[in-house]
Amino acid sequence: MDREFMSHYYDVTYEDIELDATEGDEEYRNRYNEYLVLKEQLTTRCGGQDSELWSLCEKLIDQQNLLMLRLCKLVYLLGAEDREKMLR
């Protein structure tokens, strides 16, 4: 498999992987809504969106999101490699 090509293909094809992968998935929507409720509770307990503690929490959440996006791409590439192996 041409990993560089597939990596580029992923980047240009999936501009919003979360939207593309989850469209119409009710379980994802339910879990996302739970996430939003918990995030709001955490925001409040940290002293609101302008607090230093909440700023740190946001940075942590952002970093986790970046990790998950990278994981999505790596899983996609692993699936592409597996597909190529199966077609041989």
Protein backbone atom coordinates (compact mmCIF):
# COMPACT_ATOMS: atom_id res chain seq x y z
CA MET A 1 0.00 0.00 0.00
CA ASP A 2 1.16 3.49 -0.78
CA ARG A 3 0.81 4.89 2.74
CA GLU A 4 1.73 8.44 1.71
CA PHE A 5 -0.92 8.45 -1.02
CA MET A 6 -3.60 7.01 1.30
CA SER A 7 -2.69 9.54 3.98
CA HIS A 8 -3.10 12.36 1.46
CA TYR A 9 -6.35 10.83 0.20
CA TYR A 10 -7.70 10.73 3.74
CA ASP A 11 -6.75 14.37 4.30
CA VAL A 12 -8.48 15.63 1.15
CA THR A 13 -11.49 13.31 1.33
CA TYR A 14 -12.46 13.68 4.96
CA GLU A 15 -12.45 17.36 5.80
CA ASP A 16 -14.72 16.69 8.79
CA ILE A 17 -14.28 13.04 9.71
CA GLU A 18 -16.57 13.32 12.72
CA LEU A 19 -19.46 14.56 10.60
CA ASP A 20 -18.78 12.10 7.77
CA ALA A 21 -18.50 9.09 10.06
CA THR A 22 -21.35 9.85 12.45
CA GLU A 23 -24.07 11.24 10.21
CA GLY A 24 -27.32 9.53 11.12
CA ASP A 25 -25.85 7.49 13.96
CA GLU A 26 -28.24 7.85 16.88
CA GLU A 27 -25.92 6.20 19.42
CA TYR A 28 -23.19 8.74 18.61
CA ARG A 29 -25.66 11.61 18.87
CA ASN A 30 -26.86 10.33 22.27
CA ARG A 31 -23.31 9.98 23.59
CA TYR A 32 -22.41 13.41 22.24
CA ASN A 33 -25.38 14.94 24.03
CA GLU A 34 -24.24 13.25 27.26
CA TYR A 35 -20.78 14.69 26.66
CA LEU A 36 -22.22 18.19 26.29
CA VAL A 37 -24.15 17.87 29.57
CA LEU A 38 -21.00 16.71 31.40
CA LYS A 39 -18.92 19.44 29.80
CA GLU A 40 -21.40 22.07 30.96
CA GLN A 41 -21.33 20.64 34.51
CA LEU A 42 -17.53 20.69 34.49
CA THR A 43 -17.47 24.25 33.16
CA THR A 44 -19.73 25.39 36.00
CA ARG A 45 -17.74 23.56 38.67
CA CYS A 46 -14.51 25.05 37.34
CA GLY A 47 -15.86 28.55 37.80
CA GLY A 48 -17.16 29.28 34.32
CA GLN A 49 -15.61 29.71 30.91
CA ASP A 50 -13.38 32.59 31.98
CA SER A 51 -11.66 30.76 34.83
CA GLU A 52 -8.05 29.65 34.68
CA LEU A 53 -9.06 26.10 35.64
CA TRP A 54 -11.57 25.92 32.80
CA SER A 55 -8.94 27.19 30.38
CA LEU A 56 -6.74 24.27 31.39
CA CYS A 57 -9.67 21.86 30.97
CA GLU A 58 -10.33 23.23 27.49
CA LYS A 59 -6.69 22.72 26.53
CA LEU A 60 -6.92 19.14 27.77
CA ILE A 61 -10.14 18.52 25.82
CA ASP A 62 -8.62 20.06 22.69
CA GLN A 63 -5.55 17.85 23.00
CA GLN A 64 -7.73 14.76 23.48
CA ASN A 65 -9.71 15.70 20.37
CA LEU A 66 -6.49 16.03 18.36
CA LEU A 67 -5.39 12.62 19.60
CA MET A 68 -8.72 11.08 18.58
CA LEU A 69 -8.54 12.66 15.11
CA ARG A 70 -5.04 11.24 14.68
CA LEU A 71 -6.27 7.85 15.88
CA CYS A 72 -9.10 7.98 13.31
CA LYS A 73 -6.58 8.54 10.53
CA LEU A 74 -4.28 5.77 11.77
CA VAL A 75 -7.21 3.32 11.98
CA TYR A 76 -8.25 4.32 8.45
CA LEU A 77 -4.73 3.61 7.19
CA LEU A 78 -4.65 0.29 9.04
CA GLY A 79 -7.94 -0.66 7.38
CA ALA A 80 -6.53 0.28 3.98
CA GLU A 81 -3.49 -1.93 4.64
CA ASP A 82 -5.73 -4.81 5.73
CA ARG A 83 -7.88 -4.44 2.62
CA GLU A 84 -4.83 -4.59 0.40
CA LYS A 85 -3.60 -7.74 2.18
CA MET A 86 -7.00 -9.42 1.73
CA LEU A 87 -7.10 -8.63 -1.99
CA ARG A 88 -3.76 -10.36 -2.65
